[in-house]
Amino acid sequence: MEVVYGDGERIVKIPCEVDAENTTAQFENGLLIIKLPKRIEGSGRKIEVEE
């Protein structure tokens, strides 16, 4: 846990692929809670390419 007063910025490297569709962020009682669920392999998005 990290407590900072005033404006601030933190950059964190995530060691795995995350499921951006199910990522959530909540601010509760002065605490920012970010949930980054791990992406399940094979759950990528299919993009069709037209000729």
N, C-alpha and C. Protein backbone atom coordinates (compact mmCIF):
# COMPACT_ATOMS: atom_id res chain seq x y z
N MET A 1 0.85 -1.17 0.00
CA MET A 1 0.00 0.00 0.00
C MET A 1 0.90 1.23 0.00
N GLU A 2 0.46 2.24 -0.71
CA GLU A 2 1.23 3.47 -0.83
C GLU A 2 0.30 4.64 -0.55
N VAL A 3 0.74 5.57 0.27
CA VAL A 3 -0.06 6.73 0.60
C VAL A 3 0.68 7.98 0.14
N VAL A 4 0.02 8.77 -0.70
CA VAL A 4 0.62 10.01 -1.21
C VAL A 4 -0.42 11.11 -1.06
N TYR A 5 0.02 12.28 -0.63
CA TYR A 5 -0.89 13.41 -0.50
C TYR A 5 -0.66 14.36 -1.65
N GLY A 6 -1.73 14.95 -2.18
CA GLY A 6 -1.62 15.87 -3.29
C GLY A 6 -1.61 15.14 -4.62
N ASP A 7 -1.27 15.87 -5.67
CA ASP A 7 -1.21 15.27 -7.00
C ASP A 7 -0.04 14.29 -7.09
N GLY A 8 -0.23 13.25 -7.87
CA GLY A 8 0.85 12.27 -8.03
C GLY A 8 0.61 11.40 -9.24
N GLU A 9 1.65 10.70 -9.61
CA GLU A 9 1.58 9.80 -10.76
C GLU A 9 2.44 8.59 -10.46
N ARG A 10 1.97 7.43 -10.87
CA ARG A 10 2.74 6.19 -10.67
C ARG A 10 2.60 5.36 -11.93
N ILE A 11 3.71 4.91 -12.47
CA ILE A 11 3.72 4.03 -13.63
C ILE A 11 4.20 2.67 -13.16
N VAL A 12 3.41 1.65 -13.47
CA VAL A 12 3.73 0.29 -13.02
C VAL A 12 3.75 -0.63 -14.23
N LYS A 13 4.82 -1.42 -14.36
CA LYS A 13 4.88 -2.40 -15.45
C LYS A 13 4.14 -3.66 -15.01
N ILE A 14 3.26 -4.14 -15.87
CA ILE A 14 2.48 -5.34 -15.59
C ILE A 14 3.18 -6.50 -16.30
N PRO A 15 3.52 -7.57 -15.58
CA PRO A 15 4.31 -8.66 -16.17
C PRO A 15 3.56 -9.64 -17.05
N CYS A 16 2.27 -9.43 -17.27
CA CYS A 16 1.52 -10.36 -18.11
C CYS A 16 0.46 -9.59 -18.89
N GLU A 17 -0.16 -10.27 -19.85
CA GLU A 17 -1.23 -9.65 -20.62
C GLU A 17 -2.47 -9.55 -19.73
N VAL A 18 -3.17 -8.42 -19.83
CA VAL A 18 -4.38 -8.24 -19.02
C VAL A 18 -5.61 -8.22 -19.91
N ASP A 19 -6.74 -8.56 -19.32
CA ASP A 19 -8.03 -8.54 -20.00
C ASP A 19 -8.59 -7.13 -19.87
N ALA A 20 -8.30 -6.28 -20.86
CA ALA A 20 -8.70 -4.87 -20.80
C ALA A 20 -10.21 -4.69 -20.72
N GLU A 21 -10.97 -5.60 -21.30
CA GLU A 21 -12.43 -5.50 -21.28
C GLU A 21 -12.99 -5.62 -19.86
N ASN A 22 -12.30 -6.32 -18.98
CA ASN A 22 -12.79 -6.55 -17.62
C ASN A 22 -11.97 -5.83 -16.56
N THR A 23 -11.14 -4.89 -16.97
CA THR A 23 -10.36 -4.10 -16.02
C THR A 23 -11.29 -3.10 -15.35
N THR A 24 -11.14 -2.94 -14.03
CA THR A 24 -11.99 -2.00 -13.29
C THR A 24 -11.13 -1.12 -12.40
N ALA A 25 -11.65 0.06 -12.08
CA ALA A 25 -10.99 0.97 -11.15
C ALA A 25 -12.08 1.61 -10.29
N GLN A 26 -11.83 1.65 -8.98
CA GLN A 26 -12.79 2.24 -8.04
C GLN A 26 -12.02 3.13 -7.07
N PHE A 27 -12.65 4.19 -6.64
CA PHE A 27 -12.08 5.08 -5.64
C PHE A 27 -12.98 5.00 -4.43
N GLU A 28 -12.50 4.35 -3.35
CA GLU A 28 -13.31 4.14 -2.15
C GLU A 28 -12.56 4.63 -0.93
N ASN A 29 -13.21 5.47 -0.15
CA ASN A 29 -12.63 5.96 1.10
C ASN A 29 -11.21 6.49 0.92
N GLY A 30 -10.98 7.21 -0.17
CA GLY A 30 -9.66 7.79 -0.43
C GLY A 30 -8.63 6.82 -0.97
N LEU A 31 -9.05 5.61 -1.33
CA LEU A 31 -8.13 4.58 -1.82
C LEU A 31 -8.53 4.19 -3.25
N LEU A 32 -7.57 4.21 -4.17
CA LEU A 32 -7.82 3.81 -5.55
C LEU A 32 -7.55 2.31 -5.67
N ILE A 33 -8.55 1.56 -6.10
CA ILE A 33 -8.43 0.11 -6.26
C ILE A 33 -8.55 -0.20 -7.75
N ILE A 34 -7.49 -0.78 -8.33
CA ILE A 34 -7.48 -1.13 -9.74
C ILE A 34 -7.36 -2.64 -9.85
N LYS A 35 -8.27 -3.26 -10.58
CA LYS A 35 -8.23 -4.71 -10.78
C LYS A 35 -7.94 -4.99 -12.24
N LEU A 36 -6.86 -5.72 -12.50
CA LEU A 36 -6.42 -6.06 -13.85
C LEU A 36 -6.42 -7.57 -14.00
N PRO A 37 -7.54 -8.16 -14.42
CA PRO A 37 -7.58 -9.62 -14.55
C PRO A 37 -6.65 -10.10 -15.66
N LYS A 38 -6.00 -11.22 -15.41
CA LYS A 38 -5.09 -11.81 -16.38
C LYS A 38 -5.88 -12.32 -17.58
N ARG A 39 -5.36 -12.05 -18.77
CA ARG A 39 -6.02 -12.50 -20.00
C ARG A 39 -5.79 -14.00 -20.17
N ILE A 40 -6.85 -14.70 -20.51
CA ILE A 40 -6.77 -16.13 -20.75
C ILE A 40 -6.29 -16.34 -22.18
N GLU A 41 -5.29 -17.20 -22.37
CA GLU A 41 -4.77 -17.44 -23.71
C GLU A 41 -5.88 -17.92 -24.64
N GLY A 42 -5.82 -17.46 -25.87
CA GLY A 42 -6.83 -17.85 -26.84
C GLY A 42 -8.08 -17.00 -26.78
N SER A 43 -8.10 -16.02 -25.87
CA SER A 43 -9.29 -15.19 -25.77
C SER A 43 -9.12 -13.87 -26.54
N GLY A 44 -8.23 -13.89 -27.51
CA GLY A 44 -8.00 -12.70 -28.33
C GLY A 44 -9.20 -12.36 -29.19
N ARG A 45 -9.12 -11.27 -29.85
CA ARG A 45 -10.21 -10.80 -30.70
C ARG A 45 -9.93 -11.17 -32.14
N LYS A 46 -10.93 -11.65 -32.86
CA LYS A 46 -10.77 -12.01 -34.26
C LYS A 46 -11.11 -10.79 -35.11
N ILE A 47 -10.19 -10.46 -36.01
CA ILE A 47 -10.40 -9.33 -36.92
C ILE A 47 -10.35 -9.86 -38.33
N GLU A 48 -11.44 -9.67 -39.07
CA GLU A 48 -11.48 -10.15 -40.45
C GLU A 48 -10.85 -9.12 -41.37
N VAL A 49 -10.07 -9.60 -42.33
CA VAL A 49 -9.39 -8.74 -43.29
C VAL A 49 -10.05 -8.93 -44.64
N GLU A 50 -10.50 -7.82 -45.21
CA GLU A 50 -11.13 -7.88 -46.53
C GLU A 50 -10.07 -7.74 -47.61
N GLU A 51 -10.30 -8.41 -48.73
CA GLU A 51 -9.36 -8.32 -49.86
C GLU A 51 -9.74 -7.20 -50.78
